[in-house]
C-alpha atoms as a PDB file:
ATOM      1  CA  MET A   1      46.879  11.948 -54.075  1.00  0.00           C
ATOM      2  CA  THR A   2      43.887   9.756 -54.839  1.00  0.00           C
ATOM      3  CA  LEU A   3      44.180   6.504 -52.880  1.00  0.00           C
ATOM      4  CA  ILE A   4      40.789   4.929 -53.679  1.00  0.00           C
ATOM      5  CA  ARG A   5      39.023   5.365 -57.028  1.00  0.00           C
ATOM      6  CA  LEU A   6      35.836   3.794 -58.315  1.00  0.00           C
ATOM      7  CA  SER A   7      35.152   4.450 -62.003  1.00  0.00           C
ATOM      8  CA  GLY A   8      31.753   3.627 -63.508  1.00  0.00           C
ATOM      9  CA  VAL A   9      31.248   0.818 -60.991  1.00  0.00           C
ATOM     10  CA  THR A  10      28.057  -1.222 -61.161  1.00  0.00           C
ATOM     11  CA  LYS A  11      27.299  -4.264 -59.031  1.00  0.00           C
ATOM     12  CA  ARG A  12      24.375  -6.546 -59.863  1.00  0.00           C
ATOM     13  CA  PHE A  13      23.340  -9.546 -57.787  1.00  0.00           C
ATOM     14  CA  PRO A  14      21.311 -12.493 -59.113  1.00  0.00           C
ATOM     15  CA  PRO A  15      17.507 -12.264 -58.826  1.00  0.00           C
ATOM     16  CA  SER A  16      16.154 -13.040 -55.364  1.00  0.00           C
ATOM     17  CA  THR A  17      13.388 -15.150 -56.947  1.00  0.00           C
ATOM     18  CA  LYS A  18      13.305 -17.436 -59.963  1.00  0.00           C
ATOM     19  CA  GLY A  19      12.552 -15.443 -63.090  1.00  0.00           C
ATOM     20  CA  GLY A  20      13.025 -12.143 -61.295  1.00  0.00           C
ATOM     21  CA  GLU A  21      15.215  -9.203 -62.254  1.00  0.00           C
ATOM     22  CA  PRO A  22      18.845  -8.862 -61.095  1.00  0.00           C
ATOM     23  CA  VAL A  23      19.291  -6.675 -58.020  1.00  0.00           C
ATOM     24  CA  VAL A  24      21.315  -3.546 -58.808  1.00  0.00           C
ATOM     25  CA  ALA A  25      23.096  -2.685 -55.547  1.00  0.00           C
ATOM     26  CA  VAL A  26      25.523  -0.125 -57.017  1.00  0.00           C
ATOM     27  CA  ASP A  27      24.713   1.738 -60.197  1.00  0.00           C
ATOM     28  CA  ASP A  28      27.457   3.474 -62.228  1.00  0.00           C
ATOM     29  CA  VAL A  29      29.295   4.962 -59.241  1.00  0.00           C
ATOM     30  CA  ASP A  30      32.294   7.258 -59.601  1.00  0.00           C
ATOM     31  CA  LEU A  31      34.157   7.958 -56.370  1.00  0.00           C
ATOM     32  CA  GLU A  32      37.573   9.325 -55.409  1.00  0.00           C
ATOM     33  CA  ILE A  33      39.023   9.357 -51.894  1.00  0.00           C
ATOM     34  CA  GLU A  34      42.221  11.244 -51.206  1.00  0.00           C
ATOM     35  CA  ALA A  35      44.983   9.707 -49.101  1.00  0.00           C
ATOM     36  CA  GLY A  36      44.949  10.812 -45.469  1.00  0.00           C
ATOM     37  CA  THR A  37      41.318  11.931 -45.427  1.00  0.00           C
ATOM     38  CA  VAL A  38      38.131  10.727 -43.774  1.00  0.00           C
ATOM     39  CA  CYS A  39      35.247  10.154 -46.179  1.00  0.00           C
ATOM     40  CA  GLY A  40      31.732   9.424 -44.976  1.00  0.00           C
ATOM     41  CA  ILE A  41      29.289   7.545 -47.193  1.00  0.00           C
ATOM     42  CA  VAL A  42      25.758   8.116 -45.934  1.00  0.00           C
ATOM     43  CA  GLY A  43      22.466   6.683 -47.107  1.00  0.00           C
ATOM     44  CA  TYR A  44      19.350   4.902 -45.968  1.00  0.00           C
ATOM     45  CA  SER A  45      19.098   1.112 -45.862  1.00  0.00           C
ATOM     46  CA  GLY A  46      19.494  -0.320 -49.348  1.00  0.00           C
ATOM     47  CA  ALA A  47      21.333   2.719 -50.706  1.00  0.00           C
ATOM     48  CA  GLY A  48      24.321   0.595 -51.725  1.00  0.00           C
ATOM     49  CA  LYS A  49      26.867   2.044 -49.311  1.00  0.00           C
ATOM     50  CA  SER A  50      27.913  -1.263 -47.704  1.00  0.00           C
ATOM     51  CA  THR A  51      28.318  -2.832 -51.143  1.00  0.00           C
ATOM     52  CA  VAL A  52      30.723  -0.022 -52.045  1.00  0.00           C
ATOM     53  CA  LEU A  53      32.758  -0.898 -48.962  1.00  0.00           C
ATOM     54  CA  ARG A  54      32.874  -4.589 -49.950  1.00  0.00           C
ATOM     55  CA  LEU A  55      34.006  -3.583 -53.439  1.00  0.00           C
ATOM     56  CA  VAL A  56      36.858  -1.544 -51.976  1.00  0.00           C
ATOM     57  CA  ASN A  57      38.218  -4.463 -49.943  1.00  0.00           C
ATOM     58  CA  ALA A  58      37.579  -6.882 -52.841  1.00  0.00           C
ATOM     59  CA  LEU A  59      35.023  -9.005 -51.016  1.00  0.00           C
ATOM     60  CA  GLU A  60      32.811  -8.293 -54.023  1.00  0.00           C
ATOM     61  CA  THR A  61      33.791  -7.933 -57.671  1.00  0.00           C
ATOM     62  CA  PRO A  62      32.087  -5.249 -59.771  1.00  0.00           C
ATOM     63  CA  THR A  63      29.844  -6.332 -62.589  1.00  0.00           C
ATOM     64  CA  SER A  64      31.330  -3.492 -64.606  1.00  0.00           C
ATOM     65  CA  GLY A  65      33.725  -0.623 -64.012  1.00  0.00           C
ATOM     66  CA  SER A  66      36.986  -0.574 -62.086  1.00  0.00           C
ATOM     67  CA  VAL A  67      38.143  -0.241 -58.488  1.00  0.00           C
ATOM     68  CA  GLU A  68      41.653   1.128 -57.974  1.00  0.00           C
ATOM     69  CA  ILE A  69      43.726   1.224 -54.796  1.00  0.00           C
ATOM     70  CA  ASP A  70      46.741   3.515 -55.073  1.00  0.00           C
ATOM     71  CA  GLY A  71      46.460   3.463 -58.868  1.00  0.00           C
ATOM     72  CA  ARG A  72      46.223  -0.324 -59.128  1.00  0.00           C
ATOM     73  CA  ASP A  73      43.100  -1.944 -60.538  1.00  0.00           C
ATOM     74  CA  ILE A  74      42.159  -4.643 -58.039  1.00  0.00           C
ATOM     75  CA  THR A  75      39.271  -6.187 -59.972  1.00  0.00           C
ATOM     76  CA  GLY A  76      41.432  -8.784 -61.720  1.00  0.00           C
ATOM     77  CA  LEU A  77      43.791  -9.756 -58.907  1.00  0.00           C
ATOM     78  CA  ARG A  78      44.433 -13.407 -57.997  1.00  0.00           C
ATOM     79  CA  GLU A  79      43.526 -14.648 -54.517  1.00  0.00           C
ATOM     80  CA  ARG A  80      47.151 -14.480 -53.349  1.00  0.00           C
ATOM     81  CA  GLU A  81      47.375 -10.862 -54.460  1.00  0.00           C
ATOM     82  CA  LEU A  82      44.042 -10.089 -52.833  1.00  0.00           C
ATOM     83  CA  ARG A  83      45.280 -11.437 -49.496  1.00  0.00           C
ATOM     84  CA  ALA A  84      48.227  -9.053 -49.657  1.00  0.00           C
ATOM     85  CA  LEU A  85      45.885  -6.199 -50.563  1.00  0.00           C
ATOM     86  CA  ARG A  86      43.571  -6.896 -47.622  1.00  0.00           C
ATOM     87  CA  GLY A  87      46.557  -6.769 -45.295  1.00  0.00           C
ATOM     88  CA  ASP A  88      46.713  -3.080 -46.156  1.00  0.00           C
ATOM     89  CA  ILE A  89      43.001  -2.565 -45.403  1.00  0.00           C
ATOM     90  CA  GLY A  90      41.561  -2.751 -41.877  1.00  0.00           C
ATOM     91  CA  MET A  91      37.877  -3.447 -41.170  1.00  0.00           C
ATOM     92  CA  ILE A  92      35.679  -2.326 -38.264  1.00  0.00           C
ATOM     93  CA  PHE A  93      32.220  -3.858 -37.938  1.00  0.00           C
ATOM     94  CA  GLN A  94      28.935  -2.817 -36.369  1.00  0.00           C
ATOM     95  CA  GLN A  95      28.679  -5.946 -34.199  1.00  0.00           C
ATOM     96  CA  PHE A  96      32.422  -6.027 -33.373  1.00  0.00           C
ATOM     97  CA  ASN A  97      32.992  -9.578 -34.800  1.00  0.00           C
ATOM     98  CA  LEU A  98      35.354 -10.577 -31.996  1.00  0.00           C
ATOM     99  CA  PHE A  99      36.333 -14.154 -31.146  1.00  0.00           C
ATOM    100  CA  ASP A 100      34.548 -14.978 -27.890  1.00  0.00           C
ATOM    101  CA  SER A 101      37.023 -17.779 -27.156  1.00  0.00           C
ATOM    102  CA  ARG A 102      40.016 -15.440 -27.356  1.00  0.00           C
ATOM    103  CA  THR A 103      41.128 -12.818 -24.866  1.00  0.00           C
ATOM    104  CA  VAL A 104      41.384  -9.162 -25.821  1.00  0.00           C
ATOM    105  CA  ALA A 105      45.072  -9.658 -26.541  1.00  0.00           C
ATOM    106  CA  GLY A 106      44.303 -12.813 -28.505  1.00  0.00           C
ATOM    107  CA  ASN A 107      41.790 -11.001 -30.694  1.00  0.00           C
ATOM    108  CA  VAL A 108      44.263  -8.235 -31.535  1.00  0.00           C
ATOM    109  CA  ALA A 109      47.008 -10.803 -32.134  1.00  0.00           C
ATOM    110  CA  TYR A 110      44.994 -12.879 -34.606  1.00  0.00           C
ATOM    111  CA  PRO A 111      45.756 -10.978 -37.856  1.00  0.00           C
ATOM    112  CA  LEU A 112      49.430 -10.803 -36.875  1.00  0.00           C
ATOM    113  CA  GLU A 113      49.529 -14.556 -36.348  1.00  0.00           C
ATOM    114  CA  VAL A 114      47.891 -15.091 -39.738  1.00  0.00           C
ATOM    115  CA  ALA A 115      50.514 -12.795 -41.265  1.00  0.00           C
ATOM    116  CA  GLY A 116      53.272 -15.010 -39.815  1.00  0.00           C
ATOM    117  CA  ARG A 117      54.775 -12.526 -37.355  1.00  0.00           C
ATOM    118  CA  SER A 118      57.064 -13.869 -34.645  1.00  0.00           C
ATOM    119  CA  ARG A 119      55.804 -14.309 -31.094  1.00  0.00           C
ATOM    120  CA  ALA A 120      57.949 -11.393 -29.917  1.00  0.00           C
ATOM    121  CA  GLN A 121      56.654  -9.137 -32.698  1.00  0.00           C
ATOM    122  CA  VAL A 122      53.057 -10.082 -31.915  1.00  0.00           C
ATOM    123  CA  LYS A 123      53.486  -9.405 -28.202  1.00  0.00           C
ATOM    124  CA  GLN A 124      55.065  -5.995 -28.790  1.00  0.00           C
ATOM    125  CA  ARG A 125      52.507  -4.902 -31.387  1.00  0.00           C
ATOM    126  CA  VAL A 126      49.532  -6.017 -29.276  1.00  0.00           C
ATOM    127  CA  ALA A 127      50.858  -4.062 -26.292  1.00  0.00           C
ATOM    128  CA  GLU A 128      51.316  -0.955 -28.445  1.00  0.00           C
ATOM    129  CA  LEU A 129      47.814  -1.144 -29.856  1.00  0.00           C
ATOM    130  CA  LEU A 130      46.054  -1.809 -26.558  1.00  0.00           C
ATOM    131  CA  GLU A 131      47.800   1.207 -25.079  1.00  0.00           C
ATOM    132  CA  PHE A 132      46.807   3.293 -28.099  1.00  0.00           C
ATOM    133  CA  VAL A 133      43.106   2.437 -27.724  1.00  0.00           C
ATOM    134  CA  GLY A 134      43.167   2.728 -23.934  1.00  0.00           C
ATOM    135  CA  LEU A 135      42.759  -0.959 -23.047  1.00  0.00           C
ATOM    136  CA  SER A 136      46.150  -1.943 -21.639  1.00  0.00           C
ATOM    137  CA  GLY A 137      44.524  -3.190 -18.467  1.00  0.00           C
ATOM    138  CA  LYS A 138      42.071  -5.449 -20.329  1.00  0.00           C
ATOM    139  CA  ALA A 139      44.508  -7.674 -22.232  1.00  0.00           C
ATOM    140  CA  LYS A 140      43.502 -10.837 -20.374  1.00  0.00           C
ATOM    141  CA  ASN A 141      39.769 -10.154 -20.370  1.00  0.00           C
ATOM    142  CA  TYR A 142      37.338 -11.869 -22.721  1.00  0.00           C
ATOM    143  CA  PRO A 143      34.884  -9.944 -24.943  1.00  0.00           C
ATOM    144  CA  GLU A 144      31.896 -10.879 -22.766  1.00  0.00           C
ATOM    145  CA  GLN A 145      33.537  -9.024 -19.871  1.00  0.00           C
ATOM    146  CA  LEU A 146      33.705  -5.747 -21.817  1.00  0.00           C
ATOM    147  CA  SER A 147      31.260  -2.954 -22.541  1.00  0.00           C
ATOM    148  CA  GLY A 148      30.140  -2.266 -26.107  1.00  0.00           C
ATOM    149  CA  GLY A 149      32.538   0.650 -26.431  1.00  0.00           C
ATOM    150  CA  GLN A 150      35.446  -1.417 -25.138  1.00  0.00           C
ATOM    151  CA  ARG A 151      34.655  -4.227 -27.564  1.00  0.00           C
ATOM    152  CA  GLN A 152      34.617  -1.758 -30.428  1.00  0.00           C
ATOM    153  CA  ARG A 153      38.008  -0.436 -29.343  1.00  0.00           C
ATOM    154  CA  VAL A 154      39.313  -4.008 -29.404  1.00  0.00           C
ATOM    155  CA  GLY A 155      37.919  -4.265 -32.940  1.00  0.00           C
ATOM    156  CA  ILE A 156      39.715  -1.059 -33.890  1.00  0.00           C
ATOM    157  CA  ALA A 157      42.995  -2.268 -32.391  1.00  0.00           C
ATOM    158  CA  ARG A 158      42.652  -5.545 -34.328  1.00  0.00           C
ATOM    159  CA  ALA A 159      41.954  -3.617 -37.547  1.00  0.00           C
ATOM    160  CA  LEU A 160      45.161  -1.625 -37.017  1.00  0.00           C
ATOM    161  CA  ALA A 161      47.316  -4.663 -36.217  1.00  0.00           C
ATOM    162  CA  THR A 162      48.997  -4.926 -39.630  1.00  0.00           C
ATOM    163  CA  SER A 163      49.456  -1.133 -39.947  1.00  0.00           C
ATOM    164  CA  PRO A 164      46.970  -0.677 -42.821  1.00  0.00           C
ATOM    165  CA  ARG A 165      46.866   2.463 -44.926  1.00  0.00           C
ATOM    166  CA  ILE A 166      43.068   2.226 -45.235  1.00  0.00           C
ATOM    167  CA  LEU A 167      40.477   1.680 -42.519  1.00  0.00           C
ATOM    168  CA  LEU A 168      36.908   0.738 -43.458  1.00  0.00           C
ATOM    169  CA  ALA A 169      34.233   1.330 -40.811  1.00  0.00           C
ATOM    170  CA  ASP A 170      30.850  -0.255 -41.501  1.00  0.00           C
ATOM    171  CA  GLU A 171      28.239   1.340 -39.185  1.00  0.00           C
ATOM    172  CA  ALA A 172      30.905   1.218 -36.467  1.00  0.00           C
ATOM    173  CA  THR A 173      28.900   3.263 -33.940  1.00  0.00           C
ATOM    174  CA  SER A 174      25.345   2.106 -34.656  1.00  0.00           C
ATOM    175  CA  ALA A 175      25.289  -0.335 -31.726  1.00  0.00           C
ATOM    176  CA  LEU A 176      26.693   2.183 -29.217  1.00  0.00           C
ATOM    177  CA  ASP A 177      25.114   4.738 -26.896  1.00  0.00           C
ATOM    178  CA  PRO A 178      25.683   8.469 -27.633  1.00  0.00           C
ATOM    179  CA  ASP A 179      28.538   9.002 -25.149  1.00  0.00           C
ATOM    180  CA  THR A 180      30.390   5.879 -26.263  1.00  0.00           C
ATOM    181  CA  THR A 181      29.817   6.865 -29.899  1.00  0.00           C
ATOM    182  CA  GLN A 182      31.638  10.149 -29.317  1.00  0.00           C
ATOM    183  CA  GLU A 183      34.562   8.296 -27.703  1.00  0.00           C
ATOM    184  CA  VAL A 184      34.870   5.931 -30.672  1.00  0.00           C
ATOM    185  CA  LEU A 185      34.600   8.780 -33.172  1.00  0.00           C
ATOM    186  CA  ALA A 186      37.326  10.688 -31.323  1.00  0.00           C
ATOM    187  CA  LEU A 187      39.533   7.587 -31.525  1.00  0.00           C
ATOM    188  CA  LEU A 188      38.914   7.255 -35.273  1.00  0.00           C
ATOM    189  CA  LYS A 189      39.810  10.900 -35.800  1.00  0.00           C
ATOM    190  CA  ARG A 190      42.981  10.377 -33.765  1.00  0.00           C
ATOM    191  CA  ILE A 191      43.875   7.401 -35.970  1.00  0.00           C
ATOM    192  CA  ASN A 192      43.467   9.610 -39.010  1.00  0.00           C
ATOM    193  CA  THR A 193      45.449  12.580 -37.704  1.00  0.00           C
ATOM    194  CA  GLU A 194      48.220  10.772 -35.796  1.00  0.00           C
ATOM    195  CA  LEU A 195      48.716   7.700 -37.965  1.00  0.00           C
ATOM    196  CA  GLY A 196      47.717   9.184 -41.321  1.00  0.00           C
ATOM    197  CA  VAL A 197      45.287   6.346 -42.034  1.00  0.00           C
ATOM    198  CA  THR A 198      42.683   6.995 -44.735  1.00  0.00           C
ATOM    199  CA  ILE A 199      39.236   6.170 -43.336  1.00  0.00           C
ATOM    200  CA  LEU A 200      36.058   5.304 -45.213  1.00  0.00           C
ATOM    201  CA  VAL A 201      33.033   5.479 -42.903  1.00  0.00           C
ATOM    202  CA  ILE A 202      29.733   3.854 -43.875  1.00  0.00           C
ATOM    203  CA  THR A 203      26.820   5.246 -41.864  1.00  0.00           C
ATOM    204  CA  HIS A 204      23.170   6.278 -41.890  1.00  0.00           C
ATOM    205  CA  GLU A 205      23.840   8.951 -39.251  1.00  0.00           C
ATOM    206  CA  MET A 206      24.775  12.406 -40.508  1.00  0.00           C
ATOM    207  CA  GLU A 207      26.070  13.296 -37.024  1.00  0.00           C
ATOM    208  CA  VAL A 208      28.895  10.795 -37.560  1.00  0.00           C
ATOM    209  CA  VAL A 209      29.805  12.523 -40.814  1.00  0.00           C
ATOM    210  CA  ARG A 210      29.742  15.968 -39.191  1.00  0.00           C
ATOM    211  CA  ALA A 211      31.951  14.768 -36.332  1.00  0.00           C
ATOM    212  CA  ILE A 212      34.895  13.294 -38.233  1.00  0.00           C
ATOM    213  CA  ALA A 213      34.595  13.398 -42.034  1.00  0.00           C
ATOM    214  CA  ASP A 214      36.364  15.728 -44.436  1.00  0.00           C
ATOM    215  CA  ARG A 215      34.147  14.756 -47.353  1.00  0.00           C
ATOM    216  CA  VAL A 216      30.703  13.218 -47.605  1.00  0.00           C
ATOM    217  CA  VAL A 217      29.097  11.057 -50.289  1.00  0.00           C
ATOM    218  CA  VAL A 218      25.316  10.656 -50.232  1.00  0.00           C
ATOM    219  CA  MET A 219      23.868   7.543 -51.882  1.00  0.00           C
ATOM    220  CA  GLU A 220      20.325   6.580 -52.824  1.00  0.00           C
ATOM    221  CA  HIS A 221      19.144   3.519 -54.787  1.00  0.00           C
ATOM    222  CA  GLY A 222      22.730   2.536 -55.587  1.00  0.00           C
ATOM    223  CA  ARG A 223      23.761   5.890 -57.023  1.00  0.00           C
ATOM    224  CA  VAL A 224      25.788   8.821 -55.733  1.00  0.00           C
ATOM    225  CA  ILE A 225      23.342  11.725 -55.610  1.00  0.00           C
ATOM    226  CA  GLU A 226      25.572  14.303 -53.951  1.00  0.00           C
ATOM    227  CA  SER A 227      29.166  14.596 -52.758  1.00  0.00           C
ATOM    228  CA  GLY A 228      31.636  17.209 -51.655  1.00  0.00           C
ATOM    229  CA  ASP A 229      33.288  18.955 -48.741  1.00  0.00           C
ATOM    230  CA  VAL A 230      31.327  18.282 -45.530  1.00  0.00           C
ATOM    231  CA  PHE A 231      30.740  21.976 -44.778  1.00  0.00           C
ATOM    232  CA  ASP A 232      29.575  22.727 -48.310  1.00  0.00           C
ATOM    233  CA  VAL A 233      27.149  19.790 -48.442  1.00  0.00           C
ATOM    234  CA  LEU A 234      25.724  20.308 -44.948  1.00  0.00           C
ATOM    235  CA  SER A 235      25.315  24.063 -45.323  1.00  0.00           C
ATOM    236  CA  ALA A 236      23.824  23.951 -48.837  1.00  0.00           C
ATOM    237  CA  PRO A 237      22.424  20.479 -49.664  1.00  0.00           C
ATOM    238  CA  SER A 238      21.096  20.250 -53.214  1.00  0.00           C
ATOM    239  CA  HIS A 239      19.180  16.930 -53.168  1.00  0.00           C
ATOM    240  CA  ASP A 240      15.999  16.123 -51.230  1.00  0.00           C
ATOM    241  CA  ALA A 241      17.543  13.037 -49.604  1.00  0.00           C
ATOM    242  CA  THR A 242      20.558  15.046 -48.476  1.00  0.00           C
ATOM    243  CA  ARG A 243      18.304  17.723 -47.045  1.00  0.00           C
ATOM    244  CA  ARG A 244      16.478  15.063 -45.016  1.00  0.00           C
ATOM    245  CA  PHE A 245      19.760  13.861 -43.564  1.00  0.00           C
ATOM    246  CA  VAL A 246      20.935  17.393 -42.833  1.00  0.00           C
ATOM    247  CA  ALA A 247      17.622  18.219 -41.123  1.00  0.00           C
ATOM    248  CA  SER A 248      18.398  15.501 -38.563  1.00  0.00           C
ATOM    249  CA  ILE A 249      21.314  17.541 -37.182  1.00  0.00           C
ATOM    250  CA  ILE A 250      20.685  21.139 -38.262  1.00  0.00           C
ATOM    251  CA  ASP A 251      17.505  23.106 -37.584  1.00  0.00           C
ATOM    252  CA  GLU A 252      15.957  24.287 -40.821  1.00  0.00           C
ATOM    253  CA  ALA A 253      13.784  27.366 -41.240  1.00  0.00           C
ATOM    254  CA  PRO A 254      10.414  26.607 -39.598  1.00  0.00           C
ATOM    255  CA  THR A 255       7.482  25.872 -41.889  1.00  0.00           C
ATOM    256  CA  GLY A 256       3.970  24.460 -41.592  1.00  0.00           C
ATOM    257  CA  SER A 257       2.812  23.563 -38.100  1.00  0.00           C
ATOM    258  CA  LYS A 258       6.127  24.563 -36.528  1.00  0.00           C
ATOM    259  CA  LEU A 259       5.841  28.065 -37.998  1.00  0.00           C
ATOM    260  CA  ALA A 260       2.182  28.255 -36.939  1.00  0.00           C
ATOM    261  CA  ALA A 261       3.176  27.400 -33.356  1.00  0.00           C
ATOM    262  CA  LEU A 262       5.795  30.149 -33.375  1.00  0.00           C
ATOM    263  CA  ARG A 263       3.239  32.650 -34.706  1.00  0.00           C
ATOM    264  CA  ALA A 264       0.872  31.759 -31.893  1.00  0.00           C
ATOM    265  CA  ARG A 265       3.521  32.436 -29.251  1.00  0.00           C
ATOM    266  CA  HIS A 266       5.334  35.431 -30.700  1.00  0.00           C
ATOM    267  CA  PRO A 267       3.813  38.679 -32.001  1.00  0.00           C
ATOM    268  CA  GLY A 268       5.411  40.733 -34.763  1.00  0.00           C
ATOM    269  CA  ARG A 269       7.217  39.787 -37.923  1.00  0.00           C
ATOM    270  CA  ILE A 270       8.981  36.414 -38.073  1.00  0.00           C
ATOM    271  CA  VAL A 271      12.002  36.119 -40.334  1.00  0.00           C
ATOM    272  CA  THR A 272      14.837  33.627 -40.749  1.00  0.00           C
ATOM    273  CA  PHE A 273      18.409  34.495 -41.691  1.00  0.00           C
ATOM    274  CA  THR A 274      21.014  32.013 -42.923  1.00  0.00           C
ATOM    275  CA  ILE A 275      24.360  32.376 -41.180  1.00  0.00           C
ATOM    276  CA  ARG A 276      27.402  31.043 -43.020  1.00  0.00           C
ATOM    277  CA  GLU A 277      31.002  31.588 -41.920  1.00  0.00           C
ATOM    278  CA  GLY A 278      32.905  34.057 -44.052  1.00  0.00           C
ATOM    279  CA  GLU A 279      29.763  35.296 -45.775  1.00  0.00           C
ATOM    280  CA  SER A 280      27.174  36.292 -43.186  1.00  0.00           C
ATOM    281  CA  PRO A 281      28.430  37.195 -39.690  1.00  0.00           C
ATOM    282  CA  GLN A 282      25.567  37.093 -37.211  1.00  0.00           C
ATOM    283  CA  ALA A 283      26.984  40.115 -35.368  1.00  0.00           C
ATOM    284  CA  ASP A 284      26.387  42.244 -38.492  1.00  0.00           C
ATOM    285  CA  VAL A 285      22.787  41.011 -38.703  1.00  0.00           C
ATOM    286  CA  PHE A 286      22.088  41.940 -35.093  1.00  0.00           C
ATOM    287  CA  ALA A 287      23.837  45.301 -35.471  1.00  0.00           C
ATOM    288  CA  ALA A 288      21.749  46.146 -38.553  1.00  0.00           C
ATOM    289  CA  LEU A 289      18.509  45.351 -36.721  1.00  0.00           C
ATOM    290  CA  SER A 290      19.515  47.316 -33.622  1.00  0.00           C
ATOM    291  CA  SER A 291      20.568  50.363 -35.607  1.00  0.00           C
ATOM    292  CA  HIS A 292      16.971  50.807 -36.786  1.00  0.00           C
ATOM    293  CA  GLY A 293      15.497  50.664 -33.320  1.00  0.00           C
ATOM    294  CA  VAL A 294      13.863  47.283 -33.839  1.00  0.00           C
ATOM    295  CA  ARG A 295      13.499  44.828 -30.978  1.00  0.00           C
ATOM    296  CA  PHE A 296      14.181  41.199 -31.816  1.00  0.00           C
ATOM    297  CA  GLU A 297      14.060  37.837 -30.101  1.00  0.00           C
ATOM    298  CA  LEU A 298      15.673  34.573 -31.202  1.00  0.00           C
ATOM    299  CA  ILE A 299      12.821  32.038 -31.287  1.00  0.00           C
ATOM    300  CA  HIS A 300      14.163  29.106 -33.311  1.00  0.00           C
ATOM    301  CA  GLY A 301      17.329  27.650 -34.799  1.00  0.00           C
ATOM    302  CA  GLY A 302      20.948  28.087 -33.853  1.00  0.00           C
ATOM    303  CA  ILE A 303      24.552  27.973 -34.971  1.00  0.00           C
ATOM    304  CA  ASN A 304      26.322  24.691 -35.740  1.00  0.00           C
ATOM    305  CA  ASP A 305      30.042  23.954 -35.793  1.00  0.00           C
ATOM    306  CA  ILE A 306      30.916  21.944 -38.906  1.00  0.00           C
ATOM    307  CA  ARG A 307      34.581  20.950 -38.997  1.00  0.00           C
ATOM    308  CA  GLY A 308      35.530  24.209 -37.280  1.00  0.00           C
ATOM    309  CA  ARG A 309      33.296  26.428 -39.427  1.00  0.00           C
ATOM    310  CA  VAL A 310      29.920  27.833 -38.422  1.00  0.00           C
ATOM    311  CA  PHE A 311      26.579  27.566 -40.188  1.00  0.00           C
ATOM    312  CA  GLY A 312      22.967  27.818 -39.138  1.00  0.00           C
ATOM    313  CA  HIS A 313      19.541  29.401 -39.402  1.00  0.00           C
ATOM    314  CA  LEU A 314      18.361  32.086 -36.985  1.00  0.00           C
ATOM    315  CA  THR A 315      14.617  32.684 -36.778  1.00  0.00           C
ATOM    316  CA  LEU A 316      13.759  35.992 -35.129  1.00  0.00           C
ATOM    317  CA  ALA A 317      10.575  37.715 -34.037  1.00  0.00           C
ATOM    318  CA  LEU A 318      10.836  41.444 -34.816  1.00  0.00           C
ATOM    319  CA  SER A 319       8.734  44.153 -33.207  1.00  0.00           C
ATOM    320  CA  GLY A 320       8.509  47.877 -33.853  1.00  0.00           C
ATOM    321  CA  GLU A 321       6.986  50.313 -36.318  1.00  0.00           C
ATOM    322  CA  LYS A 322       6.332  48.674 -39.669  1.00  0.00           C
ATOM    323  CA  ASP A 323       8.558  51.052 -41.653  1.00  0.00           C
ATOM    324  CA  ALA A 324      11.372  50.613 -39.171  1.00  0.00           C
ATOM    325  CA  VAL A 325      11.038  46.835 -39.306  1.00  0.00           C
ATOM    326  CA  ASP A 326      11.066  46.930 -43.123  1.00  0.00           C
ATOM    327  CA  ARG A 327      14.240  49.039 -43.127  1.00  0.00           C
ATOM    328  CA  ALA A 328      15.868  46.834 -40.506  1.00  0.00           C
ATOM    329  CA  VAL A 329      15.126  43.641 -42.445  1.00  0.00           C
ATOM    330  CA  ALA A 330      16.467  45.169 -45.658  1.00  0.00           C
ATOM    331  CA  ALA A 331      19.646  46.249 -43.893  1.00  0.00           C
ATOM    332  CA  ALA A 332      20.155  42.897 -42.183  1.00  0.00           C
ATOM    333  CA  SER A 333      19.525  40.933 -45.373  1.00  0.00           C
ATOM    334  CA  ALA A 334      22.483  42.743 -46.947  1.00  0.00           C
ATOM    335  CA  HIS A 335      24.649  40.766 -44.519  1.00  0.00           C
ATOM    336  CA  ALA A 336      22.878  37.381 -44.521  1.00  0.00           C
ATOM    337  CA  PRO A 337      20.453  35.602 -46.867  1.00  0.00           C
ATOM    338  CA  LEU A 338      16.870  36.171 -45.727  1.00  0.00           C
ATOM    339  CA  ILE A 339      14.235  33.437 -45.716  1.00  0.00           C
ATOM    340  CA  GLU A 340      10.932  35.309 -45.381  1.00  0.00           C
ATOM    341  CA  GLU A 341       8.580  33.291 -43.216  1.00  0.00           C
ATOM    342  CA  ASP A 342       5.875  35.658 -42.016  1.00  0.00           C
ATOM    343  CA  SER A 343       5.254  39.247 -43.062  1.00  0.00           C
ATOM    344  CA  ARG A 344       2.615  39.916 -40.433  1.00  0.00           C
ATOM    345  CA  GLY A 345       3.290  43.250 -38.735  1.00  0.00           C
END
């Protein structure tokens, strides 16, 4: 079931200077997010991804097009109706946005107090959430006494206070170190799997998408340039911008100076095979090479786990008689796509 749908959405902001042109932040975007999934929207600064997030929680109104939540067009709702809508949408921010004057428990309690819950209900819900995010022992601490990862977990607990169906994460791990990032991502995935919350993640880091997302949307200059299942997009990106993002987490076939450096260190013929789960088992590639008496050495690349499926590029240096190497490459390429890099014998 589609929970979030953007149809032909454009958002223009007034010119930044007198007499200038309007700023088009989002340009004719169509987007569907299924209930119970994690969708990552990735793009460089200025791509329009954060504006999409603000359109989903109705902090911005589209210039044209429609935004639907659970089949309901939210673009024309009154402020009272919007408040009710936002109670069903939790927000996590890059810089945590905690109240320094409130304790950890007080921060988590705030949206419940605004919603008019009783003191007993607030106390019980805060205790449940702090246990869920692993901060039961920090209830009386203040934000300044916490690490960045702990503060983000407080932010996540606060976002879950009213039991939202949708969680919006705006660069939620950008201010964290790598180890803490993995902890926060694991918590977000747990929220998705255990609580069934639909999560929309805004990021410029493809590693975040690989770690937790089911689907990925790539944006550039306000437009969606590529979208689909995370494995499909990461293993076969079709747009240059997507390929640049993918290259940050997956080794591509070596070219240019990198290939030249490999040639200088390794004699023989250098070839690269693409390994893709269900289509090109690496064991069959190695068996085909061995059966022709060819020696080979892995000199670049590797296998990546993408949502439980494997993909990667293996660059090998082959040595042996030229005819044998030719036959071995032909046999191996029947099992995996071959990217010919260097035919030197």
